[in-house]
């Protein structure tokens, strides 16, 4: 079955950096586009970044463009999100996601808190 294990979240001051990781299993990772989403308290889940299966094409939400970098290692079945110049409004739970055989599969989420 499709499974994800996310890690790398934590508490960081504004302007700081974090790197999130998502270890995937249960599907042919290298064949699928992958996404990071986030959900802030009291808000709907929103798309943060997408990377295609070959890592040649990436897309970002306007709110993170120029600060976040999505990447993947198809040999390790791993997805990453490098987050720089973090802002208070980046606070939330971050999830990796794949659309596999007609269904969306999500990780358990990792908490990112940006606070002074």
Protein backbone atom coordinates (compact mmCIF):
# COMPACT_ATOMS: atom_id res chain seq x y z
CA UNK A 1 0.00 0.00 0.00
CA UNK A 2 1.05 3.59 -0.56
CA UNK A 3 2.80 5.03 2.47
CA UNK A 4 4.70 8.19 3.29
CA UNK A 5 6.87 9.10 6.24
CA UNK A 6 7.44 12.83 6.54
CA UNK A 7 10.09 14.45 8.69
CA UNK A 8 12.02 17.66 9.15
CA UNK A 9 9.43 19.95 10.62
CA UNK A 10 9.97 22.00 13.74
CA UNK A 11 10.07 25.43 15.31
CA UNK A 12 12.09 28.10 13.54
CA UNK A 13 12.42 31.86 13.76
CA UNK A 14 11.33 34.12 10.90
CA UNK A 15 14.03 34.20 8.25
CA UNK A 16 15.20 30.71 9.10
CA UNK A 17 15.28 27.54 7.04
CA UNK A 18 13.99 24.00 7.25
CA UNK A 19 14.23 21.00 4.97
CA UNK A 20 11.31 18.60 4.86
CA UNK A 21 11.64 15.01 3.70
CA UNK A 22 9.05 12.50 2.57
CA UNK A 23 10.01 8.83 2.25
CA UNK A 24 7.63 7.00 -0.09
CA UNK A 25 6.81 3.32 -0.50
CA UNK A 26 4.16 1.07 -2.00
CA UNK A 27 4.15 2.48 -5.52
CA UNK A 28 6.51 3.18 -8.41
CA UNK A 29 7.74 6.50 -7.07
CA UNK A 30 9.77 7.47 -10.13
CA UNK A 31 6.71 7.30 -12.38
CA UNK A 32 4.60 9.88 -10.57
CA UNK A 33 4.48 13.61 -10.12
CA UNK A 34 4.67 14.52 -6.44
CA UNK A 35 3.32 17.45 -4.44
CA UNK A 36 3.71 19.26 -1.16
CA UNK A 37 0.65 20.80 0.48
CA UNK A 38 0.19 22.67 3.72
CA UNK A 39 -2.65 23.49 6.05
CA UNK A 40 -2.59 26.40 8.44
CA UNK A 41 -4.84 26.47 11.52
CA UNK A 42 -8.39 27.31 10.52
CA UNK A 43 -7.60 27.32 6.81
CA UNK A 44 -8.04 24.93 3.94
CA UNK A 45 -5.22 22.76 2.71
CA UNK A 46 -3.31 24.49 -0.09
CA UNK A 47 -0.87 23.43 -2.76
CA UNK A 48 2.71 24.53 -2.11
CA UNK A 49 4.77 22.91 -4.86
CA UNK A 50 4.70 20.21 -7.52
CA UNK A 51 7.53 18.30 -9.18
CA UNK A 52 7.13 16.06 -12.19
CA UNK A 53 8.32 12.46 -12.24
CA UNK A 54 11.66 13.29 -13.88
CA UNK A 55 12.33 16.39 -11.74
CA UNK A 56 12.62 18.52 -14.87
CA UNK A 57 9.56 20.65 -14.14
CA UNK A 58 8.51 22.31 -10.90
CA UNK A 59 5.63 24.58 -10.00
CA UNK A 60 5.20 26.76 -6.91
CA UNK A 61 2.48 28.70 -5.20
CA UNK A 62 3.06 32.42 -5.58
CA UNK A 63 3.39 32.74 -1.81
CA UNK A 64 6.52 30.54 -1.71
CA UNK A 65 8.08 31.23 -5.11
CA UNK A 66 11.73 32.18 -4.78
CA UNK A 67 11.94 30.88 -1.20
CA UNK A 68 11.07 27.17 -1.41
CA UNK A 69 12.64 24.48 -3.56
CA UNK A 70 11.02 21.12 -4.24
CA UNK A 71 13.24 18.23 -5.26
CA UNK A 72 13.26 14.45 -5.39
CA UNK A 73 15.63 11.50 -5.44
CA UNK A 74 14.09 8.69 -7.45
CA UNK A 75 16.81 6.29 -6.36
CA UNK A 76 15.85 6.78 -2.73
CA UNK A 77 12.08 7.17 -3.29
CA UNK A 78 12.32 10.49 -1.49
CA UNK A 79 10.73 13.90 -1.89
CA UNK A 80 12.12 17.08 -0.35
CA UNK A 81 11.10 20.65 0.33
CA UNK A 82 13.83 23.16 1.13
CA UNK A 83 12.21 26.14 2.83
CA UNK A 84 14.22 29.35 3.14
CA UNK A 85 13.43 32.85 4.39
CA UNK A 86 10.54 31.42 6.38
CA UNK A 87 7.71 33.71 7.38
CA UNK A 88 5.17 33.45 10.17
CA UNK A 89 2.49 32.77 7.57
CA UNK A 90 4.35 29.62 6.49
CA UNK A 91 3.24 27.99 9.74
CA UNK A 92 1.18 24.87 9.25
CA UNK A 93 1.20 21.14 8.76
CA UNK A 94 3.00 20.09 5.59
CA UNK A 95 1.96 17.00 3.65
CA UNK A 96 3.35 15.12 0.70
CA UNK A 97 0.86 13.74 -1.78
CA UNK A 98 0.63 11.50 -4.80
CA UNK A 99 -2.28 10.89 -7.16
CA UNK A 100 -2.04 7.17 -7.77
CA UNK A 101 -4.50 5.02 -9.70
CA UNK A 102 -7.32 7.52 -9.34
CA UNK A 103 -6.88 8.28 -5.66
CA UNK A 104 -4.98 10.84 -3.62
CA UNK A 105 -2.61 9.50 -0.99
CA UNK A 106 -1.29 11.72 1.79
CA UNK A 107 1.42 11.52 4.37
CA UNK A 108 0.66 12.02 8.06
CA UNK A 109 2.03 15.56 7.94
CA UNK A 110 4.87 17.34 9.67
CA UNK A 111 4.36 20.50 11.72
CA UNK A 112 6.23 23.66 10.78
CA UNK A 113 6.00 26.56 13.20
CA UNK A 114 7.58 29.90 12.38
CA UNK A 115 7.64 32.14 15.41
CA UNK A 116 9.83 34.70 17.07
